């Protein structure tokens, strides 16, 4: 009887957690297919039909296609460059011994404790002096630097799970640094790479503060920033507001779902290593 109560209690807590986490997202997506009257009269009912005209209007009338492209470019390019650079750095920290290694790694990780707002003034001045204000390049550099601590933490743990004996065997066979990194370590660290990549992309995709601080013209706006500008526009048109929100949240859900297995493998291997 105690086991049954424990079993039921555990799954009840899990079900409640899943419901609380997923319901707001499902409600937003369902509301995008309703009229304003249906949203106000029966907010929790299912839509009677799937009308995609709010999505079409969001893209055609409010230029959300440009904002979506901007978000994909800025988030994607920053993530790809970060994965390459930070995986190299994490590989060196994981497999090599050198003077100041602990100090440098600690400094990287300690940046996770610094609030983003505290770095706003120096970052703004640097971007302004480099003539990168109101450009995608400026946002890419900022997003690239903002994810270094988390990426180093995840990627170093991933490379530490790969036995050094494999590197030593390849070195004896005459393999170079790049060959050992690219052909041996990188394929075996795909779970950690996927985890770091997904977290970096989602963080960049949803970032609002620096997108607002470092851009001024509509041609550079990203989706989160565009939502902030259009809050007043959508204030009485709930259907289009929820359609715009759906455009912002669905890509992140799709990307996480696609790499979910790799992320779970990385978390499990890190726990086993610990």
Protein backbone atom coordinates (compact mmCIF):
# COMPACT_ATOMS: atom_id res chain seq x y z
CA UNK A 1 0.00 0.00 0.00
CA UNK A 2 2.85 2.39 0.82
CA UNK A 3 4.49 1.66 -2.51
CA UNK A 4 1.21 2.34 -4.33
CA UNK A 5 0.74 5.67 -2.52
CA UNK A 6 4.34 6.62 -3.29
CA UNK A 7 3.86 5.65 -6.94
CA UNK A 8 0.64 7.64 -7.30
CA UNK A 9 2.08 10.66 -5.49
CA UNK A 10 5.19 10.69 -7.66
CA UNK A 11 3.27 10.57 -10.92
CA UNK A 12 0.73 13.10 -9.67
CA UNK A 13 3.55 15.57 -8.98
CA UNK A 14 5.07 14.85 -12.39
CA UNK A 15 1.71 15.30 -14.14
CA UNK A 16 1.08 18.58 -12.32
CA UNK A 17 4.56 19.86 -13.24
CA UNK A 18 4.10 18.96 -16.91
CA UNK A 19 0.64 20.54 -16.97
CA UNK A 20 1.84 23.79 -15.41
CA UNK A 21 4.80 23.93 -17.82
CA UNK A 22 3.02 23.05 -21.07
CA UNK A 23 -0.46 24.50 -20.63
CA UNK A 24 0.49 28.20 -21.11
CA UNK A 25 2.28 27.36 -24.37
CA UNK A 26 -0.62 25.26 -25.67
CA UNK A 27 -3.07 27.99 -24.66
CA UNK A 28 -1.12 30.61 -26.63
CA UNK A 29 -0.96 28.41 -29.74
CA UNK A 30 -4.67 27.50 -29.55
CA UNK A 31 -5.66 31.13 -29.02
CA UNK A 32 -3.88 32.11 -32.23
CA UNK A 33 -6.56 30.20 -34.16
CA UNK A 34 -9.51 31.84 -32.38
CA UNK A 35 -11.29 35.11 -32.92
CA UNK A 36 -11.20 37.88 -30.33
CA UNK A 37 -14.75 37.02 -29.31
CA UNK A 38 -13.90 33.35 -28.75
CA UNK A 39 -10.84 34.24 -26.70
CA UNK A 40 -12.85 36.55 -24.44
CA UNK A 41 -15.96 34.38 -24.12
CA UNK A 42 -14.35 30.94 -23.81
CA UNK A 43 -10.58 31.33 -23.34
CA UNK A 44 -9.93 27.67 -22.48
CA UNK A 45 -11.99 26.05 -25.23
CA UNK A 46 -10.52 24.45 -28.35
CA UNK A 47 -10.58 26.49 -31.58
CA UNK A 48 -13.52 25.71 -33.86
CA UNK A 49 -11.37 26.01 -36.99
CA UNK A 50 -7.75 26.43 -37.97
CA UNK A 51 -7.56 29.82 -39.61
CA UNK A 52 -4.01 30.79 -40.59
CA UNK A 53 -4.91 34.31 -41.68
CA UNK A 54 -3.57 35.88 -38.41
CA UNK A 55 -0.16 34.34 -39.12
CA UNK A 56 -0.25 35.54 -42.73
CA UNK A 57 -1.17 39.04 -41.57
CA UNK A 58 1.60 39.07 -38.98
CA UNK A 59 4.16 38.28 -41.68
CA UNK A 60 2.73 40.53 -44.40
CA UNK A 61 1.48 43.58 -42.50
CA UNK A 62 3.94 43.74 -39.62
CA UNK A 63 7.13 42.61 -41.39
CA UNK A 64 7.68 39.62 -39.09
CA UNK A 65 9.45 37.77 -41.91
CA UNK A 66 12.36 40.24 -41.68
CA UNK A 67 12.45 39.93 -37.89
CA UNK A 68 12.41 36.13 -38.11
CA UNK A 69 15.28 36.14 -40.59
CA UNK A 70 17.23 38.52 -38.34
CA UNK A 71 16.71 36.25 -35.35
CA UNK A 72 17.81 33.16 -37.27
CA UNK A 73 20.90 34.90 -38.65
CA UNK A 74 22.03 36.44 -35.37
CA UNK A 75 21.24 33.40 -33.21
CA UNK A 76 22.48 30.81 -35.71
CA UNK A 77 25.75 32.50 -36.68
CA UNK A 78 26.61 33.30 -33.04
CA UNK A 79 25.90 29.70 -32.02
CA UNK A 80 27.94 28.13 -34.83
CA UNK A 81 30.98 30.35 -34.25
CA UNK A 82 30.72 29.87 -30.48
CA UNK A 83 30.56 26.09 -30.78
CA UNK A 84 33.72 26.00 -32.89
CA UNK A 85 35.76 28.40 -30.75
CA UNK A 86 34.55 27.24 -27.35
CA UNK A 87 34.89 23.55 -28.20
CA UNK A 88 38.56 24.18 -29.04
CA UNK A 89 39.09 26.04 -25.78
CA UNK A 90 37.21 23.43 -23.74
CA UNK A 91 39.23 20.64 -25.39
CA UNK A 92 42.48 22.31 -24.37
CA UNK A 93 41.26 22.85 -20.81
CA UNK A 94 40.11 19.23 -20.57
CA UNK A 95 43.12 17.47 -22.10
CA UNK A 96 46.19 19.67 -21.51
CA UNK A 97 48.06 20.96 -18.49
CA UNK A 98 49.51 24.47 -18.57
CA UNK A 99 50.36 27.26 -16.17
CA UNK A 100 47.34 29.26 -15.01
CA UNK A 101 44.85 26.66 -16.25
CA UNK A 102 42.77 26.66 -13.06
CA UNK A 103 42.83 30.45 -12.83
CA UNK A 104 41.72 31.01 -16.43
CA UNK A 105 38.96 28.41 -16.22
CA UNK A 106 37.74 29.87 -12.92
CA UNK A 107 37.58 33.32 -14.50
CA UNK A 108 35.51 31.95 -17.36
CA UNK A 109 33.06 30.23 -15.03
CA UNK A 110 32.86 33.22 -12.67
CA UNK A 111 31.42 35.34 -15.48
CA UNK A 112 28.21 33.32 -15.01
CA UNK A 113 27.77 35.17 -11.70
CA UNK A 114 27.95 38.62 -13.30
CA UNK A 115 24.48 39.98 -14.19
CA UNK A 116 23.97 40.93 -17.81
CA UNK A 117 22.93 44.46 -16.84
CA UNK A 118 26.29 45.01 -15.13
CA UNK A 119 28.08 44.52 -18.45
CA UNK A 120 25.76 46.81 -20.40
CA UNK A 121 27.82 50.02 -20.20
CA UNK A 122 31.20 48.59 -21.29
CA UNK A 123 29.59 46.48 -24.00
CA UNK A 124 27.63 49.45 -25.33
CA UNK A 125 30.76 51.64 -25.39
CA UNK A 126 32.80 48.94 -27.11
CA UNK A 127 30.17 48.29 -29.78
CA UNK A 128 29.81 52.04 -30.36
CA UNK A 129 33.56 52.59 -30.71
CA UNK A 130 33.84 49.69 -33.17
CA UNK A 131 31.08 51.24 -35.33
CA UNK A 132 28.95 48.12 -34.87
CA UNK A 133 25.93 49.82 -33.37
CA UNK A 134 22.65 48.89 -35.08
CA UNK A 135 24.22 45.99 -36.98
CA UNK A 136 23.76 42.23 -36.91
CA UNK A 137 27.52 41.85 -36.49
CA UNK A 138 27.44 43.77 -33.22
CA UNK A 139 24.68 41.55 -31.84
CA UNK A 140 26.52 38.42 -32.98
CA UNK A 141 29.69 39.46 -31.12
CA UNK A 142 27.72 40.23 -27.96
CA UNK A 143 25.82 36.94 -28.07
CA UNK A 144 29.06 35.12 -28.81
CA UNK A 145 30.75 36.49 -25.70
CA UNK A 146 27.71 36.09 -23.48
CA UNK A 147 27.60 32.30 -23.76
CA UNK A 148 31.25 31.53 -23.10
CA UNK A 149 30.95 30.51 -19.43
CA UNK A 150 28.04 28.09 -19.87
CA UNK A 151 29.56 26.60 -23.03
CA UNK A 152 32.97 26.05 -21.48
CA UNK A 153 31.38 24.37 -18.47
CA UNK A 154 29.35 21.93 -20.61
CA UNK A 155 31.96 21.24 -23.30
CA UNK A 156 34.82 20.66 -20.88
CA UNK A 157 32.73 18.04 -19.07
CA UNK A 158 31.96 16.41 -22.42
CA UNK A 159 35.64 16.17 -23.42
CA UNK A 160 36.61 14.84 -19.99
CA UNK A 161 34.42 11.78 -20.58
CA UNK A 162 36.65 10.79 -23.54
CA UNK A 163 39.59 8.62 -22.39
CA UNK A 164 43.04 10.18 -22.77
CA UNK A 165 44.32 6.82 -24.01
CA UNK A 166 42.57 7.42 -27.33
CA UNK A 167 44.44 10.71 -27.75
CA UNK A 168 47.74 9.11 -26.79
CA UNK A 169 47.23 6.23 -29.25
CA UNK A 170 46.45 8.67 -32.06
CA UNK A 171 49.49 10.77 -31.13
CA UNK A 172 51.74 7.71 -31.28
CA UNK A 173 50.34 6.94 -34.75
CA UNK A 174 51.40 10.40 -35.89
CA UNK A 175 48.10 12.29 -35.70
CA UNK A 176 48.30 16.05 -35.38
CA UNK A 177 46.47 18.25 -32.87
CA UNK A 178 43.72 19.04 -35.38
CA UNK A 179 43.29 15.40 -36.38
CA UNK A 180 42.96 14.27 -32.77
CA UNK A 181 40.49 17.04 -32.03
CA UNK A 182 38.45 16.89 -35.24
CA UNK A 183 38.37 13.15 -35.99
CA UNK A 184 38.43 11.61 -32.51
CA UNK A 185 37.25 13.96 -29.78
CA UNK A 186 34.67 16.04 -31.60
CA UNK A 187 32.57 13.08 -32.87
CA UNK A 188 32.58 11.55 -29.38
CA UNK A 189 31.47 14.83 -27.79
CA UNK A 190 28.40 15.36 -29.98
CA UNK A 191 26.03 15.13 -26.99
CA UNK A 192 27.81 17.94 -25.18
CA UNK A 193 28.03 19.96 -28.41
CA UNK A 194 24.29 19.53 -28.97
CA UNK A 195 23.50 20.57 -25.39
CA UNK A 196 25.69 23.67 -25.54
CA UNK A 197 24.41 24.54 -29.02
CA UNK A 198 20.74 24.23 -28.10
CA UNK A 199 21.15 26.27 -24.91
CA UNK A 200 23.14 28.96 -26.71
CA UNK A 201 20.68 29.18 -29.61
CA UNK A 202 17.63 29.38 -27.35
CA UNK A 203 19.32 31.99 -25.16
CA UNK A 204 20.20 34.08 -28.21
CA UNK A 205 16.76 33.55 -29.79
CA UNK A 206 14.92 34.82 -26.70
CA UNK A 207 17.37 37.61 -25.79
CA UNK A 208 15.75 41.04 -25.51
CA UNK A 209 17.90 43.43 -23.48
CA UNK A 210 20.97 43.73 -25.73
CA UNK A 211 18.83 43.60 -28.87
CA UNK A 212 17.02 46.67 -27.54
CA UNK A 213 20.24 48.36 -26.37
CA UNK A 214 22.33 47.84 -29.49
CA UNK A 215 19.80 48.35 -32.30
CA UNK A 216 17.67 51.27 -33.41
CA UNK A 217 16.27 50.62 -36.88
CA UNK A 218 13.48 48.15 -37.75
CA UNK A 219 15.68 46.38 -40.31
CA UNK A 220 17.87 44.91 -37.52
CA UNK A 221 15.14 44.03 -35.00
CA UNK A 222 14.87 40.48 -33.75
CA UNK A 223 11.60 38.76 -32.86
CA UNK A 224 11.62 39.39 -29.07
CA UNK A 225 12.35 43.07 -29.69
CA UNK A 226 9.63 43.26 -32.35
CA UNK A 227 7.12 41.83 -29.88
CA UNK A 228 8.02 44.55 -27.42
CA UNK A 229 7.46 47.25 -30.04
CA UNK A 230 4.17 45.76 -31.19
CA UNK A 231 2.60 45.22 -27.77
CA UNK A 232 0.60 48.40 -28.14
CA UNK A 233 -0.38 47.49 -31.72
CA UNK A 234 -1.70 44.09 -30.64
CA UNK A 235 -3.30 45.34 -27.41
CA UNK A 236 -6.87 44.93 -28.70
CA UNK A 237 -6.21 42.25 -31.30
CA UNK A 238 -5.54 39.18 -29.23
CA UNK A 239 -5.59 36.79 -32.19
CA UNK A 240 -2.68 38.48 -33.94
CA UNK A 241 -0.86 38.97 -30.65
CA UNK A 242 -1.01 35.23 -29.93
CA UNK A 243 -0.03 34.47 -33.53
CA UNK A 244 3.07 36.64 -33.09
CA UNK A 245 3.88 34.91 -29.80
CA UNK A 246 3.51 31.53 -31.49
CA UNK A 247 5.99 32.57 -34.19
CA UNK A 248 8.50 33.37 -31.45
CA UNK A 249 8.12 30.28 -29.26
CA UNK A 250 7.56 27.45 -31.77
CA UNK A 251 11.06 27.46 -33.39
CA UNK A 252 12.68 27.03 -29.98
CA UNK A 253 10.38 24.12 -29.15
CA UNK A 254 11.12 22.46 -32.50
CA UNK A 255 14.89 22.84 -32.12
CA UNK A 256 14.91 21.50 -28.57
CA UNK A 257 12.71 18.57 -29.57
CA UNK A 258 15.03 17.72 -32.48
CA UNK A 259 18.09 17.57 -30.19
CA UNK A 260 16.34 16.33 -27.05
CA UNK A 261 17.97 12.89 -27.14
CA UNK A 262 21.48 14.34 -27.42
CA UNK A 263 20.80 16.77 -24.57
CA UNK A 264 19.58 13.96 -22.33
CA UNK A 265 22.63 11.85 -23.19
CA UNK A 266 24.93 14.72 -22.25
CA UNK A 267 23.20 15.25 -18.90
CA UNK A 268 23.30 11.52 -18.13
CA UNK A 269 26.99 11.17 -19.04
CA UNK A 270 27.87 14.24 -16.93
CA UNK A 271 26.06 12.73 -13.96
CA UNK A 272 27.85 9.41 -14.42
CA UNK A 273 31.19 11.18 -14.69
CA UNK A 274 30.52 13.09 -11.47
